[in-house]
N, C-alpha and C. Protein backbone atom coordinates (compact mmCIF):
# COMPACT_ATOMS: atom_id res chain seq x y z
N MET A 1 -11.06 -41.85 -23.75
CA MET A 1 -10.89 -40.66 -23.34
C MET A 1 -12.25 -39.82 -23.57
N ASP A 2 -12.77 -38.96 -22.74
CA ASP A 2 -13.80 -38.25 -23.04
C ASP A 2 -13.26 -36.77 -23.65
N ILE A 3 -13.38 -36.73 -24.99
CA ILE A 3 -12.67 -35.67 -25.77
C ILE A 3 -13.46 -34.26 -25.46
N PRO A 4 -14.73 -34.27 -25.23
CA PRO A 4 -15.43 -32.86 -24.98
C PRO A 4 -14.78 -32.41 -23.48
N GLU A 5 -14.83 -33.30 -22.57
CA GLU A 5 -14.23 -32.91 -21.24
C GLU A 5 -12.99 -32.55 -21.32
N TYR A 6 -11.98 -32.99 -22.03
CA TYR A 6 -10.60 -32.71 -22.24
C TYR A 6 -10.37 -31.53 -22.85
N ILE A 7 -11.20 -31.17 -23.79
CA ILE A 7 -11.12 -29.85 -24.58
C ILE A 7 -11.69 -28.69 -23.44
N LYS A 8 -12.76 -29.18 -22.77
CA LYS A 8 -13.22 -28.14 -21.81
C LYS A 8 -12.37 -27.82 -20.56
N SER A 9 -11.43 -28.83 -20.39
CA SER A 9 -10.56 -28.64 -19.20
C SER A 9 -9.42 -27.43 -19.32
N GLY A 10 -9.40 -26.96 -20.55
CA GLY A 10 -8.40 -25.74 -20.83
C GLY A 10 -7.03 -26.18 -21.05
N VAL A 11 -6.62 -27.43 -21.12
CA VAL A 11 -5.31 -27.77 -21.13
C VAL A 11 -4.60 -27.55 -22.67
N LEU A 12 -5.60 -27.59 -23.62
CA LEU A 12 -5.18 -27.25 -25.07
C LEU A 12 -4.64 -25.66 -25.03
N GLU A 13 -5.61 -24.87 -24.35
CA GLU A 13 -5.22 -23.39 -24.22
C GLU A 13 -3.87 -23.01 -23.36
N ASP A 14 -3.77 -23.95 -22.25
CA ASP A 14 -2.51 -23.83 -21.54
C ASP A 14 -1.19 -24.26 -22.37
N TYR A 15 -1.43 -25.36 -23.18
CA TYR A 15 -0.40 -25.56 -24.21
C TYR A 15 -0.05 -24.52 -25.16
N CYS A 16 -1.09 -23.88 -25.73
CA CYS A 16 -0.77 -22.84 -26.65
C CYS A 16 -0.05 -21.72 -26.02
N LEU A 17 -0.42 -21.38 -24.60
CA LEU A 17 0.25 -20.37 -23.92
C LEU A 17 1.74 -20.76 -23.38
N GLY A 18 1.91 -21.97 -23.55
CA GLY A 18 3.16 -22.43 -22.99
C GLY A 18 3.45 -22.42 -21.47
N VAL A 19 2.30 -22.65 -20.85
CA VAL A 19 2.43 -22.77 -19.34
C VAL A 19 2.58 -24.10 -18.76
N LEU A 20 2.37 -25.16 -19.69
CA LEU A 20 2.56 -26.51 -19.19
C LEU A 20 3.95 -27.01 -18.94
N ASN A 21 4.16 -27.78 -17.97
CA ASN A 21 5.61 -28.32 -17.75
C ASN A 21 5.89 -29.41 -18.96
N GLN A 22 6.99 -29.88 -19.01
CA GLN A 22 7.32 -30.73 -20.13
C GLN A 22 6.60 -32.04 -20.30
N GLU A 23 6.26 -32.55 -19.00
CA GLU A 23 5.52 -33.82 -18.98
C GLU A 23 4.12 -33.63 -19.47
N GLN A 24 3.35 -32.51 -19.07
CA GLN A 24 2.16 -32.14 -19.47
C GLN A 24 2.10 -31.93 -21.00
N LYS A 25 3.10 -31.15 -21.50
CA LYS A 25 3.23 -30.81 -22.91
C LYS A 25 3.29 -31.96 -23.85
N GLU A 26 4.09 -32.89 -23.31
CA GLU A 26 4.19 -34.14 -24.24
C GLU A 26 2.93 -35.07 -24.09
N ALA A 27 2.10 -35.04 -22.84
CA ALA A 27 0.88 -35.67 -22.88
C ALA A 27 -0.15 -35.07 -23.79
N VAL A 28 -0.09 -33.73 -23.88
CA VAL A 28 -1.08 -33.04 -24.79
C VAL A 28 -0.72 -33.62 -26.56
N GLU A 29 0.71 -33.52 -26.62
CA GLU A 29 1.08 -33.82 -28.05
C GLU A 29 0.69 -35.25 -28.38
N LYS A 30 1.03 -36.14 -27.37
CA LYS A 30 0.69 -37.67 -27.44
C LYS A 30 -0.77 -37.74 -27.76
N ASN A 31 -1.75 -37.14 -27.10
CA ASN A 31 -3.16 -37.17 -27.17
C ASN A 31 -3.61 -36.79 -28.46
N CYS A 32 -3.02 -35.58 -29.04
CA CYS A 32 -3.45 -34.91 -30.32
C CYS A 32 -2.92 -35.92 -31.38
N ALA A 33 -1.86 -36.63 -31.21
CA ALA A 33 -1.42 -37.62 -32.22
C ALA A 33 -2.46 -38.65 -32.32
N GLU A 34 -2.91 -39.12 -31.35
CA GLU A 34 -3.85 -40.35 -31.05
C GLU A 34 -5.22 -39.88 -31.43
N PHE A 35 -5.71 -38.74 -31.14
CA PHE A 35 -7.09 -38.40 -31.43
C PHE A 35 -7.23 -37.10 -32.39
N PRO A 36 -7.50 -37.40 -33.84
CA PRO A 36 -7.49 -36.33 -34.68
C PRO A 36 -8.34 -35.07 -34.28
N GLU A 37 -9.52 -35.35 -33.63
CA GLU A 37 -10.37 -34.11 -33.29
C GLU A 37 -9.69 -33.26 -32.23
N LEU A 38 -8.93 -33.68 -31.33
CA LEU A 38 -8.00 -32.86 -30.42
C LEU A 38 -6.88 -32.09 -31.18
N LYS A 39 -6.37 -32.66 -32.20
CA LYS A 39 -5.48 -32.06 -33.20
C LYS A 39 -6.03 -30.79 -33.78
N LYS A 40 -7.29 -31.03 -34.34
CA LYS A 40 -7.82 -30.11 -34.96
C LYS A 40 -8.29 -28.96 -34.05
N GLU A 41 -8.79 -29.23 -32.97
CA GLU A 41 -9.18 -28.22 -31.83
C GLU A 41 -7.90 -27.30 -31.53
N LEU A 42 -6.69 -28.11 -31.39
CA LEU A 42 -5.53 -27.44 -31.03
C LEU A 42 -5.01 -26.43 -32.26
N VAL A 43 -5.20 -26.92 -33.43
CA VAL A 43 -4.83 -25.96 -34.62
C VAL A 43 -5.90 -24.89 -34.61
N LEU A 44 -7.10 -25.09 -34.33
CA LEU A 44 -7.89 -23.96 -34.38
C LEU A 44 -7.70 -22.83 -33.18
N LEU A 45 -7.34 -23.40 -32.04
CA LEU A 45 -6.97 -22.59 -30.96
C LEU A 45 -5.64 -21.70 -31.35
N GLN A 46 -4.71 -22.46 -31.93
CA GLN A 46 -3.45 -21.74 -32.28
C GLN A 46 -3.77 -20.70 -33.29
N THR A 47 -4.42 -20.96 -34.22
CA THR A 47 -4.80 -19.87 -35.19
C THR A 47 -5.39 -18.88 -34.88
N GLY A 48 -6.44 -19.03 -33.90
CA GLY A 48 -7.21 -18.01 -33.28
C GLY A 48 -6.42 -17.13 -32.35
N MET A 49 -5.49 -17.85 -31.62
CA MET A 49 -4.63 -16.91 -30.64
C MET A 49 -3.66 -16.00 -31.52
N GLU A 50 -3.12 -16.59 -32.69
CA GLU A 50 -2.31 -15.97 -33.39
C GLU A 50 -2.94 -14.60 -34.06
N ARG A 51 -4.12 -14.98 -34.63
CA ARG A 51 -5.01 -13.92 -35.15
C ARG A 51 -5.25 -12.78 -34.05
N PHE A 52 -5.62 -13.36 -32.89
CA PHE A 52 -5.84 -12.32 -31.83
C PHE A 52 -4.74 -11.37 -31.56
N VAL A 53 -3.63 -12.08 -31.42
CA VAL A 53 -2.33 -11.27 -31.13
C VAL A 53 -2.02 -10.17 -32.05
N THR A 54 -2.16 -10.62 -33.40
CA THR A 54 -1.73 -9.98 -34.78
C THR A 54 -2.76 -8.71 -34.90
N GLU A 55 -4.06 -9.04 -34.54
CA GLU A 55 -5.23 -8.00 -35.02
C GLU A 55 -5.51 -7.11 -33.82
N GLN A 56 -4.95 -7.51 -32.56
CA GLN A 56 -5.41 -6.73 -31.33
C GLN A 56 -4.54 -5.15 -31.46
N PRO A 57 -5.25 -4.21 -31.03
CA PRO A 57 -4.59 -2.98 -31.08
C PRO A 57 -3.32 -2.98 -29.98
N VAL A 58 -2.65 -1.98 -30.01
CA VAL A 58 -1.26 -1.98 -29.28
C VAL A 58 -1.89 -1.85 -27.68
N TRP A 59 -2.80 -1.11 -27.30
CA TRP A 59 -3.14 -1.00 -25.96
C TRP A 59 -3.66 -2.40 -25.33
N ARG A 60 -4.13 -3.46 -26.20
CA ARG A 60 -4.65 -4.72 -25.58
C ARG A 60 -3.25 -5.45 -25.40
N LYS A 61 -2.34 -5.35 -26.29
CA LYS A 61 -1.16 -6.24 -26.18
C LYS A 61 -0.47 -5.77 -24.72
N ALA A 62 -0.42 -4.44 -24.48
CA ALA A 62 0.25 -3.92 -23.28
C ALA A 62 -0.55 -4.32 -22.04
N ALA A 63 -1.91 -4.46 -22.23
CA ALA A 63 -2.74 -4.99 -20.97
C ALA A 63 -2.36 -6.55 -21.00
N LEU A 64 -2.28 -7.20 -22.11
CA LEU A 64 -2.09 -8.73 -21.98
C LEU A 64 -0.68 -8.81 -21.25
N LYS A 65 0.30 -7.94 -21.57
CA LYS A 65 1.68 -8.04 -21.15
C LYS A 65 1.66 -7.92 -19.49
N ASP A 66 0.79 -6.82 -19.04
CA ASP A 66 0.62 -6.57 -17.58
C ASP A 66 0.19 -7.85 -17.01
N ASP A 67 -1.05 -8.40 -17.62
CA ASP A 67 -1.76 -9.63 -16.91
C ASP A 67 -0.55 -10.68 -16.75
N ILE A 68 0.18 -11.00 -17.86
CA ILE A 68 1.22 -12.12 -17.72
C ILE A 68 2.21 -11.73 -16.67
N TRP A 69 2.75 -10.55 -16.62
CA TRP A 69 3.60 -10.15 -15.52
C TRP A 69 2.94 -10.24 -14.12
N ALA A 70 1.66 -9.97 -14.03
CA ALA A 70 1.04 -10.11 -12.70
C ALA A 70 0.99 -11.40 -12.41
N VAL A 71 0.62 -12.58 -13.26
CA VAL A 71 0.68 -13.98 -13.07
C VAL A 71 2.01 -14.53 -12.54
N LEU A 72 3.19 -14.07 -13.32
CA LEU A 72 4.49 -14.44 -12.86
C LEU A 72 4.93 -13.79 -11.54
N SER A 73 4.50 -12.65 -11.43
CA SER A 73 4.86 -12.08 -9.96
C SER A 73 4.18 -12.89 -8.82
N ASN A 74 3.02 -13.27 -9.01
CA ASN A 74 2.19 -14.07 -8.00
C ASN A 74 2.99 -15.38 -7.90
N VAL A 75 3.53 -16.16 -9.04
CA VAL A 75 4.27 -17.27 -8.90
C VAL A 75 5.57 -16.93 -7.96
N ASN A 76 6.16 -15.88 -8.21
CA ASN A 76 7.58 -15.54 -7.50
C ASN A 76 7.19 -15.48 -6.12
N ILE A 77 5.98 -14.80 -5.61
CA ILE A 77 5.68 -14.62 -4.29
C ILE A 77 5.21 -15.86 -3.65
N GLU A 78 4.62 -16.76 -4.37
CA GLU A 78 4.20 -18.03 -3.76
C GLU A 78 5.47 -19.01 -3.55
N GLU A 79 6.37 -18.88 -4.45
CA GLU A 79 7.60 -19.76 -4.34
C GLU A 79 8.40 -19.22 -3.14
N ALA A 80 8.48 -17.98 -2.78
CA ALA A 80 9.07 -17.42 -1.63
C ALA A 80 8.54 -17.95 -0.48
N ALA A 81 7.05 -18.27 -0.27
CA ALA A 81 6.26 -18.81 0.61
C ALA A 81 6.48 -18.02 1.95
N VAL A 82 6.33 -16.71 1.92
CA VAL A 82 6.52 -15.80 3.09
C VAL A 82 5.01 -15.45 3.67
N THR A 83 4.81 -15.97 4.95
CA THR A 83 3.67 -15.60 5.53
C THR A 83 3.49 -14.12 5.66
N GLY A 84 2.17 -13.68 5.17
CA GLY A 84 1.77 -12.36 5.34
C GLY A 84 1.88 -11.48 3.94
N SER A 85 2.58 -12.23 2.91
CA SER A 85 2.64 -11.65 1.51
C SER A 85 1.83 -12.51 0.76
N PHE A 86 0.50 -12.16 0.61
CA PHE A 86 -0.30 -13.14 -0.34
C PHE A 86 -0.66 -12.54 -1.62
N PRO A 87 -0.24 -13.30 -2.70
CA PRO A 87 -0.77 -12.83 -4.06
C PRO A 87 -2.20 -13.26 -4.29
N ILE A 88 -2.60 -12.82 -5.40
CA ILE A 88 -4.01 -13.18 -5.99
C ILE A 88 -3.87 -14.63 -6.51
N ILE A 89 -4.74 -15.43 -6.15
CA ILE A 89 -4.88 -16.94 -6.51
C ILE A 89 -5.52 -16.97 -7.90
N ASN A 90 -4.87 -17.86 -8.74
CA ASN A 90 -5.49 -18.20 -9.94
C ASN A 90 -5.31 -19.53 -10.32
N LYS A 91 -5.65 -20.17 -11.37
CA LYS A 91 -5.50 -21.41 -11.87
C LYS A 91 -4.05 -21.93 -11.99
N TYR A 92 -3.25 -21.08 -11.95
CA TYR A 92 -1.75 -21.58 -11.95
C TYR A 92 -1.13 -21.42 -10.46
N SER A 93 -1.71 -21.15 -9.47
CA SER A 93 -1.25 -21.04 -8.24
C SER A 93 -0.92 -22.41 -7.69
N ASP A 94 0.29 -22.42 -6.84
CA ASP A 94 0.65 -23.78 -6.38
C ASP A 94 0.16 -23.99 -4.82
N HIS A 95 -0.65 -24.98 -4.76
CA HIS A 95 -1.13 -25.21 -3.41
C HIS A 95 -0.23 -25.63 -2.30
N ASN A 96 0.96 -26.25 -2.77
CA ASN A 96 1.84 -26.51 -1.75
C ASN A 96 2.59 -25.28 -1.18
N ASN A 97 2.87 -24.43 -2.16
CA ASN A 97 3.49 -23.20 -1.50
C ASN A 97 2.53 -22.37 -0.70
N TRP A 98 1.25 -22.27 -0.98
CA TRP A 98 0.03 -21.59 -0.24
C TRP A 98 -0.05 -22.36 1.05
N LEU A 99 0.12 -23.69 1.16
CA LEU A 99 -0.03 -24.41 2.36
C LEU A 99 1.10 -24.05 3.33
N LYS A 100 2.38 -24.04 2.68
CA LYS A 100 3.50 -23.44 3.58
C LYS A 100 3.31 -22.07 4.27
N MET A 101 2.70 -21.13 3.27
CA MET A 101 2.52 -19.78 3.81
C MET A 101 1.51 -19.68 4.91
N VAL A 102 0.57 -20.57 4.82
CA VAL A 102 -0.75 -20.33 5.89
C VAL A 102 -0.61 -21.27 6.93
N THR A 103 0.13 -22.23 6.93
CA THR A 103 0.22 -23.26 7.97
C THR A 103 0.40 -22.54 9.50
N PRO A 104 1.07 -21.49 9.46
CA PRO A 104 1.40 -20.86 10.75
C PRO A 104 0.02 -20.26 11.35
N LEU A 105 -0.82 -20.05 10.56
CA LEU A 105 -2.05 -19.41 10.73
C LEU A 105 -3.35 -20.18 11.10
N LEU A 106 -3.08 -21.49 10.97
CA LEU A 106 -4.11 -22.53 11.16
C LEU A 106 -4.25 -22.85 12.70
N PRO A 107 -5.37 -23.07 13.18
CA PRO A 107 -5.66 -23.37 14.63
C PRO A 107 -4.81 -24.83 14.86
N ALA A 108 -4.20 -24.78 16.14
CA ALA A 108 -3.41 -26.02 16.43
C ALA A 108 -4.46 -27.16 16.85
N ASP A 109 -5.64 -26.80 17.55
CA ASP A 109 -6.47 -27.89 17.71
C ASP A 109 -7.72 -27.29 17.11
N PHE A 110 -8.27 -28.35 16.10
CA PHE A 110 -9.50 -28.04 15.42
C PHE A 110 -10.24 -29.43 15.27
N SER A 111 -11.38 -29.48 15.86
CA SER A 111 -12.00 -30.73 15.73
C SER A 111 -13.35 -30.70 15.09
N GLU A 112 -14.01 -29.49 15.04
CA GLU A 112 -15.28 -29.60 14.33
C GLU A 112 -15.62 -28.18 13.85
N GLY A 113 -16.83 -28.11 13.06
CA GLY A 113 -17.24 -26.73 12.55
C GLY A 113 -16.23 -26.08 11.38
N THR A 114 -16.26 -24.93 11.46
CA THR A 114 -15.45 -24.23 10.36
C THR A 114 -14.66 -23.03 11.02
N PHE A 115 -13.41 -22.95 10.61
CA PHE A 115 -12.50 -21.74 11.08
C PHE A 115 -12.26 -20.84 9.88
N MET A 116 -12.30 -19.62 9.94
CA MET A 116 -12.17 -18.57 8.89
C MET A 116 -11.25 -17.45 9.41
N LYS A 117 -10.26 -17.20 8.59
CA LYS A 117 -9.32 -15.95 9.04
C LYS A 117 -9.33 -15.38 7.71
N VAL A 118 -9.32 -13.95 7.75
CA VAL A 118 -9.11 -13.04 6.78
C VAL A 118 -7.70 -12.68 6.64
N ILE A 119 -6.96 -13.19 5.51
CA ILE A 119 -5.59 -12.81 5.38
C ILE A 119 -5.41 -11.63 4.56
N GLN A 120 -6.27 -11.21 3.82
CA GLN A 120 -6.10 -10.01 3.02
C GLN A 120 -7.52 -9.24 2.75
N ASP A 121 -7.44 -8.11 2.80
CA ASP A 121 -8.84 -7.30 2.75
C ASP A 121 -8.39 -5.96 2.31
N ASN A 122 -8.92 -5.63 1.12
CA ASN A 122 -8.56 -4.16 0.62
C ASN A 122 -9.78 -3.91 -0.28
N GLU A 123 -9.83 -2.62 -1.00
CA GLU A 123 -11.00 -2.20 -1.64
C GLU A 123 -11.23 -3.21 -2.85
N SER A 124 -10.33 -3.93 -3.33
CA SER A 124 -10.54 -4.92 -4.54
C SER A 124 -10.63 -6.15 -4.34
N VAL A 125 -9.90 -6.76 -3.19
CA VAL A 125 -9.81 -8.18 -2.87
C VAL A 125 -9.94 -8.49 -1.41
N THR A 126 -10.73 -9.60 -1.24
CA THR A 126 -10.67 -10.19 0.09
C THR A 126 -10.34 -11.60 -0.05
N GLN A 127 -9.37 -12.11 0.80
CA GLN A 127 -8.95 -13.46 0.81
C GLN A 127 -9.16 -14.00 2.28
N MET A 128 -9.65 -15.30 2.37
CA MET A 128 -9.69 -15.92 3.65
C MET A 128 -9.21 -17.28 3.56
N LEU A 129 -8.59 -17.57 4.80
CA LEU A 129 -8.15 -19.09 4.84
C LEU A 129 -9.18 -19.74 5.72
N VAL A 130 -9.76 -20.85 5.01
CA VAL A 130 -10.70 -21.58 5.76
C VAL A 130 -10.46 -23.00 5.79
N MET A 131 -10.91 -23.45 7.13
CA MET A 131 -10.74 -24.77 7.44
C MET A 131 -11.95 -25.26 7.89
N SER A 132 -12.66 -26.35 7.22
CA SER A 132 -13.94 -26.78 7.60
C SER A 132 -14.16 -28.36 7.59
N TYR A 133 -15.09 -28.77 8.40
CA TYR A 133 -15.44 -30.26 8.36
C TYR A 133 -16.99 -30.18 7.66
N ILE A 134 -17.46 -28.84 7.58
CA ILE A 134 -18.76 -28.96 7.09
C ILE A 134 -18.95 -28.66 5.46
N GLY A 135 -18.32 -27.43 5.21
CA GLY A 135 -18.48 -26.90 3.86
C GLY A 135 -19.01 -25.54 3.89
N GLN A 136 -19.84 -25.15 2.80
CA GLN A 136 -20.21 -23.92 2.84
C GLN A 136 -21.65 -24.01 2.23
N ASP A 137 -22.60 -23.20 2.98
CA ASP A 137 -23.94 -23.20 2.53
C ASP A 137 -24.23 -22.50 1.08
N GLU A 138 -25.31 -22.71 0.59
CA GLU A 138 -25.67 -22.19 -0.80
C GLU A 138 -25.67 -20.74 -0.69
N GLU A 139 -25.02 -19.92 -1.73
CA GLU A 139 -25.07 -18.47 -1.92
C GLU A 139 -24.79 -18.15 -3.37
N GLU A 140 -24.92 -16.98 -3.66
CA GLU A 140 -24.87 -16.45 -5.04
C GLU A 140 -24.40 -14.98 -4.99
N HIS A 141 -23.42 -14.60 -5.79
CA HIS A 141 -23.06 -13.41 -5.86
C HIS A 141 -23.24 -12.59 -7.25
N ASP A 142 -23.61 -11.26 -6.97
CA ASP A 142 -23.81 -10.29 -8.20
C ASP A 142 -22.71 -9.38 -8.38
N ASP A 143 -21.96 -9.14 -7.50
CA ASP A 143 -20.69 -8.09 -7.53
C ASP A 143 -19.52 -8.65 -7.25
N LEU A 144 -19.35 -9.96 -7.03
CA LEU A 144 -18.05 -10.48 -6.37
C LEU A 144 -17.70 -11.64 -7.20
N LYS A 145 -16.51 -11.64 -7.83
CA LYS A 145 -15.97 -12.65 -8.59
C LYS A 145 -15.21 -13.74 -7.45
N GLU A 146 -15.88 -14.70 -7.15
CA GLU A 146 -15.37 -15.78 -6.08
C GLU A 146 -14.65 -17.00 -6.76
N CYS A 147 -13.52 -17.28 -6.29
CA CYS A 147 -12.80 -18.56 -6.52
C CYS A 147 -12.19 -19.12 -5.26
N PHE A 148 -12.00 -20.25 -5.35
CA PHE A 148 -11.13 -20.90 -4.16
C PHE A 148 -10.26 -21.99 -4.69
N MET A 149 -9.26 -22.15 -3.88
CA MET A 149 -8.16 -23.25 -4.20
C MET A 149 -8.28 -24.27 -2.92
N ILE A 150 -8.18 -25.51 -3.14
CA ILE A 150 -8.01 -26.52 -2.20
C ILE A 150 -6.65 -26.74 -1.74
N LEU A 151 -6.27 -26.65 -0.40
CA LEU A 151 -4.89 -26.80 0.07
C LEU A 151 -4.82 -28.25 0.61
N ASP A 152 -5.92 -28.78 1.21
CA ASP A 152 -5.81 -30.12 1.93
C ASP A 152 -7.31 -30.45 2.11
N GLY A 153 -7.30 -31.90 1.91
CA GLY A 153 -8.89 -32.27 1.96
C GLY A 153 -9.48 -32.47 0.74
N GLU A 154 -10.78 -33.11 0.78
CA GLU A 154 -11.59 -33.27 -0.42
C GLU A 154 -13.01 -32.58 -0.25
N CYS A 155 -13.53 -32.17 -1.39
CA CYS A 155 -14.93 -31.62 -1.30
C CYS A 155 -15.67 -31.84 -2.68
N GLU A 156 -16.94 -31.54 -2.49
CA GLU A 156 -17.82 -31.38 -3.82
C GLU A 156 -18.35 -29.91 -3.96
N CYS A 157 -18.15 -29.45 -5.00
CA CYS A 157 -18.74 -28.10 -5.10
C CYS A 157 -19.99 -28.25 -6.18
N ASN A 158 -21.28 -27.72 -5.57
CA ASN A 158 -22.35 -27.69 -6.31
C ASN A 158 -22.46 -26.37 -6.96
N ILE A 159 -22.20 -26.21 -8.36
CA ILE A 159 -22.24 -24.96 -8.97
C ILE A 159 -23.30 -24.91 -10.03
N GLY A 160 -24.51 -24.30 -9.60
CA GLY A 160 -25.69 -24.35 -10.58
C GLY A 160 -26.02 -25.54 -10.84
N GLY A 161 -26.10 -26.50 -9.96
CA GLY A 161 -26.63 -28.00 -10.26
C GLY A 161 -25.48 -29.04 -10.68
N ASN A 162 -24.24 -28.29 -11.04
CA ASN A 162 -23.24 -29.28 -11.46
C ASN A 162 -22.37 -29.71 -10.37
N ILE A 163 -22.20 -30.94 -9.96
CA ILE A 163 -21.32 -31.40 -9.01
C ILE A 163 -19.88 -31.50 -9.48
N ILE A 164 -18.94 -30.83 -8.83
CA ILE A 164 -17.56 -30.75 -9.18
C ILE A 164 -16.58 -31.20 -8.13
N PRO A 165 -16.17 -32.49 -8.00
CA PRO A 165 -15.16 -32.91 -7.00
C PRO A 165 -13.83 -32.15 -7.06
N LEU A 166 -13.37 -31.83 -5.88
CA LEU A 166 -12.09 -31.25 -5.70
C LEU A 166 -11.20 -31.77 -4.78
N LYS A 167 -9.93 -31.93 -4.81
CA LYS A 167 -9.05 -32.37 -3.76
C LYS A 167 -7.78 -31.33 -3.80
N ALA A 168 -6.93 -31.47 -2.93
CA ALA A 168 -5.68 -30.72 -2.90
C ALA A 168 -5.14 -30.29 -4.39
N GLY A 169 -4.98 -29.16 -4.50
CA GLY A 169 -4.44 -28.59 -5.90
C GLY A 169 -5.68 -27.93 -6.63
N GLY A 170 -6.74 -28.40 -6.30
CA GLY A 170 -7.94 -28.05 -7.09
C GLY A 170 -8.40 -26.50 -7.06
N PHE A 171 -8.77 -25.89 -8.22
CA PHE A 171 -8.96 -24.57 -8.26
C PHE A 171 -10.24 -24.35 -9.01
N ILE A 172 -11.15 -23.44 -8.49
CA ILE A 172 -12.43 -23.26 -9.31
C ILE A 172 -12.94 -21.92 -9.14
N ASP A 173 -13.31 -21.27 -10.50
CA ASP A 173 -13.88 -19.95 -10.54
C ASP A 173 -15.35 -20.09 -10.43
N ILE A 174 -16.02 -19.41 -9.59
CA ILE A 174 -17.58 -19.36 -9.56
C ILE A 174 -18.15 -18.37 -10.43
N PRO A 175 -18.94 -18.66 -11.30
CA PRO A 175 -19.50 -17.65 -12.25
C PRO A 175 -20.28 -16.70 -11.51
N LEU A 176 -20.58 -15.44 -11.87
CA LEU A 176 -21.41 -14.51 -11.22
C LEU A 176 -22.91 -15.12 -11.38
N HIS A 177 -23.65 -14.76 -10.66
CA HIS A 177 -25.16 -14.97 -10.56
C HIS A 177 -25.47 -16.50 -10.55
N THR A 178 -24.68 -17.24 -9.98
CA THR A 178 -24.75 -18.83 -9.98
C THR A 178 -24.86 -19.23 -8.44
N ASN A 179 -25.93 -19.96 -8.17
CA ASN A 179 -25.87 -20.54 -6.83
C ASN A 179 -24.91 -21.69 -6.80
N HIS A 180 -24.04 -21.56 -5.68
CA HIS A 180 -23.06 -22.50 -5.45
C HIS A 180 -23.00 -22.92 -3.99
N SER A 181 -22.51 -23.96 -3.55
CA SER A 181 -22.17 -24.53 -2.38
C SER A 181 -21.21 -25.70 -2.26
N VAL A 182 -20.65 -25.90 -1.08
CA VAL A 182 -19.55 -26.73 -0.86
C VAL A 182 -19.88 -27.87 0.23
N LYS A 183 -19.66 -29.04 -0.14
CA LYS A 183 -19.88 -30.22 0.85
C LYS A 183 -18.53 -30.88 1.01
N VAL A 184 -17.99 -31.03 2.26
CA VAL A 184 -16.67 -31.77 2.54
C VAL A 184 -16.92 -33.27 2.41
N THR A 185 -16.11 -33.89 1.62
CA THR A 185 -16.30 -35.27 1.59
C THR A 185 -15.19 -36.07 2.17
N SER A 186 -13.98 -35.46 2.61
CA SER A 186 -12.97 -36.31 3.35
C SER A 186 -13.17 -36.49 4.75
N SER A 187 -12.69 -37.37 5.43
CA SER A 187 -12.84 -37.69 6.73
C SER A 187 -12.17 -36.60 7.67
N TYR A 188 -11.31 -35.69 7.03
CA TYR A 188 -10.60 -34.67 7.76
C TYR A 188 -11.07 -33.31 7.13
N PRO A 189 -11.00 -32.37 7.77
CA PRO A 189 -11.33 -31.06 7.30
C PRO A 189 -10.59 -30.42 5.97
N VAL A 190 -11.40 -29.70 5.11
CA VAL A 190 -10.76 -29.17 4.02
C VAL A 190 -10.09 -27.72 4.36
N THR A 191 -9.02 -27.58 3.98
CA THR A 191 -8.37 -26.36 4.09
C THR A 191 -8.35 -25.62 2.75
N ALA A 192 -8.65 -24.47 2.74
CA ALA A 192 -8.79 -23.64 1.33
C ALA A 192 -8.48 -22.30 1.55
N ILE A 193 -8.17 -21.62 0.32
CA ILE A 193 -8.17 -20.27 0.24
C ILE A 193 -9.28 -19.79 -0.51
N MET A 194 -10.21 -18.83 -0.04
CA MET A 194 -11.23 -18.42 -0.65
C MET A 194 -10.98 -16.90 -0.98
N GLN A 195 -11.26 -16.56 -2.14
CA GLN A 195 -10.80 -15.18 -2.63
C GLN A 195 -12.09 -14.48 -3.51
N ARG A 196 -12.40 -13.38 -3.04
CA ARG A 196 -13.48 -12.65 -3.74
C ARG A 196 -12.94 -11.31 -4.07
N ILE A 197 -13.14 -10.93 -5.42
CA ILE A 197 -12.67 -9.82 -6.16
C ILE A 197 -13.91 -8.85 -6.45
N ALA A 198 -14.04 -7.81 -6.14
CA ALA A 198 -15.07 -6.77 -6.48
C ALA A 198 -15.03 -6.63 -8.02
N VAL A 199 -16.29 -6.67 -8.68
CA VAL A 199 -16.34 -6.43 -10.11
C VAL A 199 -17.15 -5.15 -10.24
C-alpha cells in the first residue's frame, strides 16, 4: 500500500466525519490495524477534530452545522433524481443519480466534438453538462472555484503538471491560479458536470 497516497486521499478524514459506508469504514479499520503509521495518522486527525470542535466559537459551530445540512440537502435532491433541480456537486455527490437527472438533456445523436449545456446559472454558481470526445484546453481561473464530476467515460486531468486519471464517479476540485486541462482517454465520450463557483 502507498501510505502517503492513502492519507492524501482524504479517506481518514471521511472516516472521522462518519460519512463512509460500513464496507469503507471496515476497510479503514483493517488498514489501520495492519499499518501502525495509518493508525497514528487517524489518532492525530481524531484528536485535531475534537480539539477544533471544542475550541471553536459558537458562530463557527453554527456555520459548520449549516455546511453539513447543505451537503445532506444536496444528497436528498440527488436521490430524488428530478431533472431541473440541480444541487451543488461535491465529493459526496452520487454520479449515478446525476446521470439519471441529466440523461434527458443529452443529445440523442452525438458522434464527435463537444456538447455543452448550461443547467444552472446564477450570481454564485454555474453548472454545465458536458459531453466530449476531446476534453478541455488548458485554462486557469483566478476568481472561479471549478470542480467537475465524471458521469460516464474516462479522462486524464492535467492539474499543474500532475496527471490524474478519472472515470465514472470521479470528482476533482481545481485549485485557483492553477493551469489545468482534460484529455479524454475512453473510446466513447466523457459525460461530466462542470461547476464554477464565484469566489
